[in-house]
């Protein structure tokens, strides 16, 4: 994956999750990369189809294409890679819902102990960027964006995952006034249409990677109190 531009830290890609972290606190991400604490994307995971037939089984590209072509609905986890402005952007959403061969929705799962009733900007932008990549790759046109926030102490078991996916599909197949927020006992679903302003967030994020500006901090007492870098960050509160 060759990129046309020189990227910070001599990287040849930027991940969607890293862009989301920039919104949370870009300086924390910066320190994480310097200290080698950022995980690289597991691109070797391949494609996973979640349904009663495949039950989360990995498939090759041919099996995936055949499944999407021959089934009314397919839910899959697959890597999305697109070159945006000379920078390779990589993302692996928790699930993409294909209906009649086209990507109709992105589903992103988030766990939280306290914040089921709030969708943070970083979570919103991350899920929207997956939809943006789907558009760029021609897999669909303006898919719905669903963020599911699950109680952390429940744990996302395969059974709960399938329950979440089936619930999301139910709302996908019915007319829902957007944006929507649907609460259940163990999770909350946020449903939004595709947001074209996502390109503004992407340009802002890539300015850091292309070294057009220095990293910015977003300090707060809550963030800094639990940050692993609070003893050496110049912006720590």
Protein backbone atom coordinates (compact mmCIF):
# COMPACT_ATOMS: atom_id res chain seq x y z
CA UNK A 1 0.00 0.00 0.00
CA UNK A 2 2.20 2.81 -1.22
CA UNK A 3 1.22 6.34 -0.29
CA UNK A 4 2.07 9.44 -2.32
CA UNK A 5 2.93 11.65 0.66
CA UNK A 6 5.29 11.55 3.61
CA UNK A 7 3.24 10.69 6.70
CA UNK A 8 4.24 11.40 10.29
CA UNK A 9 6.35 8.64 11.89
CA UNK A 10 7.05 7.32 8.36
CA UNK A 11 3.74 5.48 8.41
CA UNK A 12 2.18 4.18 5.20
CA UNK A 13 -1.37 4.22 6.55
CA UNK A 14 -3.67 5.82 9.12
CA UNK A 15 -6.48 3.89 10.81
CA UNK A 16 -10.02 5.06 11.40
CA UNK A 17 -9.68 4.25 15.10
CA UNK A 18 -6.62 6.53 15.30
CA UNK A 19 -8.62 9.38 13.78
CA UNK A 20 -11.30 8.77 16.41
CA UNK A 21 -8.60 8.90 19.11
CA UNK A 22 -7.47 12.26 17.73
CA UNK A 23 -10.88 13.66 18.58
CA UNK A 24 -10.67 12.26 22.10
CA UNK A 25 -7.16 13.61 22.70
CA UNK A 26 -4.71 13.91 19.84
CA UNK A 27 -1.74 14.47 22.12
CA UNK A 28 -2.42 11.19 23.93
CA UNK A 29 -2.39 9.39 20.58
CA UNK A 30 0.85 11.18 19.72
CA UNK A 31 2.52 9.98 22.92
CA UNK A 32 1.13 6.47 22.42
CA UNK A 33 2.76 6.21 19.01
CA UNK A 34 6.08 7.60 20.27
CA UNK A 35 6.14 4.97 23.02
CA UNK A 36 5.04 2.16 20.72
CA UNK A 37 1.72 1.51 22.43
CA UNK A 38 -0.54 1.72 19.38
CA UNK A 39 -1.82 -1.56 17.99
CA UNK A 40 -1.53 -2.14 14.26
CA UNK A 41 -4.70 -3.18 12.41
CA UNK A 42 -5.20 -6.94 12.22
CA UNK A 43 -5.68 -6.96 8.47
CA UNK A 44 -4.94 -10.67 8.37
CA UNK A 45 -8.28 -11.29 10.08
CA UNK A 46 -9.88 -11.36 6.65
CA UNK A 47 -13.65 -11.35 6.16
CA UNK A 48 -16.07 -12.72 8.74
CA UNK A 49 -19.74 -13.38 8.01
CA UNK A 50 -22.15 -13.31 10.95
CA UNK A 51 -25.28 -15.36 10.37
CA UNK A 52 -26.84 -18.70 11.19
CA UNK A 53 -24.96 -20.40 8.35
CA UNK A 54 -21.44 -19.03 8.78
CA UNK A 55 -21.74 -18.29 12.54
CA UNK A 56 -18.83 -15.87 12.53
CA UNK A 57 -16.67 -17.99 10.22
CA UNK A 58 -13.85 -16.46 8.21
CA UNK A 59 -14.35 -16.67 4.44
CA UNK A 60 -12.26 -15.82 1.41
CA UNK A 61 -13.17 -13.06 -1.03
CA UNK A 62 -14.91 -15.41 -3.45
CA UNK A 63 -17.11 -16.87 -0.71
CA UNK A 64 -17.91 -13.37 0.50
CA UNK A 65 -18.89 -12.11 -2.96
CA UNK A 66 -21.06 -15.18 -3.54
CA UNK A 67 -22.76 -14.73 -0.17
CA UNK A 68 -23.54 -11.08 -0.87
CA UNK A 69 -24.84 -11.88 -4.36
CA UNK A 70 -26.97 -14.86 -3.39
CA UNK A 71 -28.48 -13.76 -0.08
CA UNK A 72 -31.04 -11.09 0.72
CA UNK A 73 -29.13 -9.94 3.82
CA UNK A 74 -25.50 -10.54 4.77
CA UNK A 75 -23.75 -9.17 7.86
CA UNK A 76 -19.98 -9.14 7.56
CA UNK A 77 -16.87 -7.80 9.22
CA UNK A 78 -14.34 -6.84 6.59
CA UNK A 79 -11.35 -4.51 6.22
CA UNK A 80 -11.95 -1.27 4.33
CA UNK A 81 -8.95 0.37 2.65
CA UNK A 82 -9.03 3.50 0.50
CA UNK A 83 -6.48 6.10 -0.55
CA UNK A 84 -7.78 9.52 0.43
CA UNK A 85 -5.72 12.48 -0.74
CA UNK A 86 -2.61 10.31 -1.03
CA UNK A 87 -3.03 8.74 2.42
CA UNK A 88 -4.09 5.14 2.90
CA UNK A 89 -7.01 5.00 5.35
CA UNK A 90 -7.74 1.62 6.93
CA UNK A 91 -10.79 0.69 8.94
CA UNK A 92 -12.42 -2.50 10.23
CA UNK A 93 -16.00 -1.84 11.37
CA UNK A 94 -17.66 -4.37 13.64
CA UNK A 95 -20.22 -5.12 10.95
CA UNK A 96 -21.48 -4.01 7.55
CA UNK A 97 -25.02 -4.96 6.59
CA UNK A 98 -25.44 -5.84 2.92
CA UNK A 99 -28.97 -5.92 1.50
CA UNK A 100 -29.46 -7.21 -2.04
CA UNK A 101 -25.77 -6.84 -2.75
CA UNK A 102 -25.25 -3.31 -1.44
CA UNK A 103 -23.93 -2.03 1.89
CA UNK A 104 -26.92 -0.43 3.60
CA UNK A 105 -25.60 0.11 7.12
CA UNK A 106 -22.49 0.18 9.28
CA UNK A 107 -22.73 -1.18 12.82
CA UNK A 108 -20.10 -0.23 15.39
CA UNK A 109 -20.16 -1.73 18.90
CA UNK A 110 -18.90 0.25 21.89
CA UNK A 111 -18.77 -0.86 25.52
CA UNK A 112 -19.24 1.53 28.42
CA UNK A 113 -19.90 1.44 32.13
CA UNK A 114 -21.61 4.81 32.41
CA UNK A 115 -22.29 6.41 29.04
CA UNK A 116 -24.95 4.32 27.29
CA UNK A 117 -27.13 7.41 26.96
CA UNK A 118 -24.50 9.56 25.32
CA UNK A 119 -22.84 9.27 21.92
CA UNK A 120 -19.43 10.94 21.94
CA UNK A 121 -18.01 12.83 18.96
CA UNK A 122 -15.17 10.33 18.59
CA UNK A 123 -17.63 7.42 18.43
CA UNK A 124 -19.85 9.24 15.95
CA UNK A 125 -16.96 10.21 13.66
CA UNK A 126 -15.42 6.74 13.74
CA UNK A 127 -18.63 5.09 12.58
CA UNK A 128 -19.25 7.80 9.97
CA UNK A 129 -15.74 7.30 8.57
CA UNK A 130 -16.51 3.64 7.96
CA UNK A 131 -19.56 4.72 5.94
CA UNK A 132 -17.35 7.21 4.11
CA UNK A 133 -14.94 4.42 3.12
CA UNK A 134 -17.85 2.28 1.93
CA UNK A 135 -18.89 5.12 -0.37
CA UNK A 136 -15.35 5.55 -1.67
CA UNK A 137 -15.02 1.81 -2.36
CA UNK A 138 -18.33 1.66 -4.19
CA UNK A 139 -19.78 -0.95 -1.83
CA UNK A 140 -22.86 1.17 -1.15
CA UNK A 141 -24.30 4.66 -1.30
CA UNK A 142 -24.64 6.67 1.92
CA UNK A 143 -25.25 3.73 4.27
CA UNK A 144 -26.96 4.24 7.60
CA UNK A 145 -24.60 4.54 10.56
CA UNK A 146 -25.47 2.60 13.70
CA UNK A 147 -23.49 2.83 16.93
CA UNK A 148 -24.48 0.30 19.60
CA UNK A 149 -23.35 1.04 23.13
CA UNK A 150 -23.30 -2.06 25.34
CA UNK A 151 -22.87 -2.38 29.09
CA UNK A 152 -19.25 -3.31 29.68
CA UNK A 153 -20.02 -5.74 32.49
CA UNK A 154 -22.34 -7.70 30.21
CA UNK A 155 -19.64 -8.54 27.68
CA UNK A 156 -20.31 -8.93 23.97
CA UNK A 157 -20.92 -12.66 23.62
CA UNK A 158 -21.63 -14.14 20.19
CA UNK A 159 -25.26 -14.61 21.22
CA UNK A 160 -25.60 -10.96 22.25
CA UNK A 161 -23.80 -9.89 19.08
CA UNK A 162 -26.33 -11.75 16.91
CA UNK A 163 -29.18 -10.29 18.96
CA UNK A 164 -27.81 -6.78 18.41
CA UNK A 165 -27.37 -7.40 14.69
CA UNK A 166 -30.88 -8.80 14.27
CA UNK A 167 -32.33 -5.83 16.18
CA UNK A 168 -30.37 -3.39 14.03
CA UNK A 169 -31.61 -5.08 10.86
CA UNK A 170 -35.20 -4.76 12.07
CA UNK A 171 -34.79 -1.00 12.29
CA UNK A 172 -32.89 -0.92 8.99
CA UNK A 173 -35.79 -2.61 7.20
CA UNK A 174 -38.36 -0.20 8.62
CA UNK A 175 -38.76 3.51 8.12
CA UNK A 176 -37.14 5.24 11.10
CA UNK A 177 -37.04 8.97 11.62
CA UNK A 178 -33.39 9.99 11.85
CA UNK A 179 -31.52 10.53 14.01
CA UNK A 180 -32.90 7.81 16.27
CA UNK A 181 -31.97 6.51 19.70
CA UNK A 182 -33.42 3.19 20.86
CA UNK A 183 -32.84 1.88 24.39
CA UNK A 184 -32.83 -1.78 25.43
CA UNK A 185 -31.92 -3.44 28.70
CA UNK A 186 -28.28 -4.12 27.90
CA UNK A 187 -27.59 -1.77 25.01
CA UNK A 188 -28.61 1.45 23.25
CA UNK A 189 -28.68 1.87 19.47
CA UNK A 190 -27.92 5.23 17.86
CA UNK A 191 -29.01 5.45 14.21
CA UNK A 192 -27.88 8.28 11.96
CA UNK A 193 -27.86 8.98 8.27
CA UNK A 194 -24.60 9.43 6.42
CA UNK A 195 -23.03 12.78 7.37
CA UNK A 196 -21.24 14.43 4.46
CA UNK A 197 -19.50 16.85 6.80
CA UNK A 198 -17.32 13.90 7.84
CA UNK A 199 -14.82 15.06 5.21
CA UNK A 200 -14.16 18.16 7.34
CA UNK A 201 -13.15 15.96 10.30
CA UNK A 202 -11.00 13.84 8.02
CA UNK A 203 -9.15 16.85 6.60
CA UNK A 204 -8.52 18.15 10.13
CA UNK A 205 -7.16 14.77 11.22
CA UNK A 206 -4.93 14.30 8.18
CA UNK A 207 -3.32 17.72 8.73
CA UNK A 208 -1.67 16.17 11.80
CA UNK A 209 -0.47 13.08 9.92
CA UNK A 210 0.83 15.17 7.03
CA UNK A 211 2.72 17.35 9.55
CA UNK A 212 0.86 20.51 8.63
CA UNK A 213 0.34 21.19 12.35
CA UNK A 214 1.50 19.92 15.73
CA UNK A 215 -0.63 17.57 17.88
CA UNK A 216 -3.34 19.19 19.94
CA UNK A 217 -4.39 18.26 23.45
CA UNK A 218 -7.96 18.06 24.74
CA UNK A 219 -7.33 18.07 28.51
CA UNK A 220 -10.04 17.62 31.11
CA UNK A 221 -9.93 16.51 34.73
CA UNK A 222 -11.76 13.29 33.87
CA UNK A 223 -9.53 12.37 30.92
CA UNK A 224 -6.26 13.37 32.56
CA UNK A 225 -7.03 11.53 35.81
CA UNK A 226 -7.08 8.15 34.05
CA UNK A 227 -4.54 8.86 31.30
CA UNK A 228 -1.42 6.70 31.39
CA UNK A 229 0.65 9.71 30.34
CA UNK A 230 -0.56 12.16 33.00
CA UNK A 231 2.82 12.15 34.77
CA UNK A 232 4.70 13.40 31.71
CA UNK A 233 2.16 15.21 29.55
CA UNK A 234 2.73 18.99 29.51
CA UNK A 235 -1.02 19.57 29.13
CA UNK A 236 -2.14 17.34 32.01
CA UNK A 237 -4.57 18.84 34.48
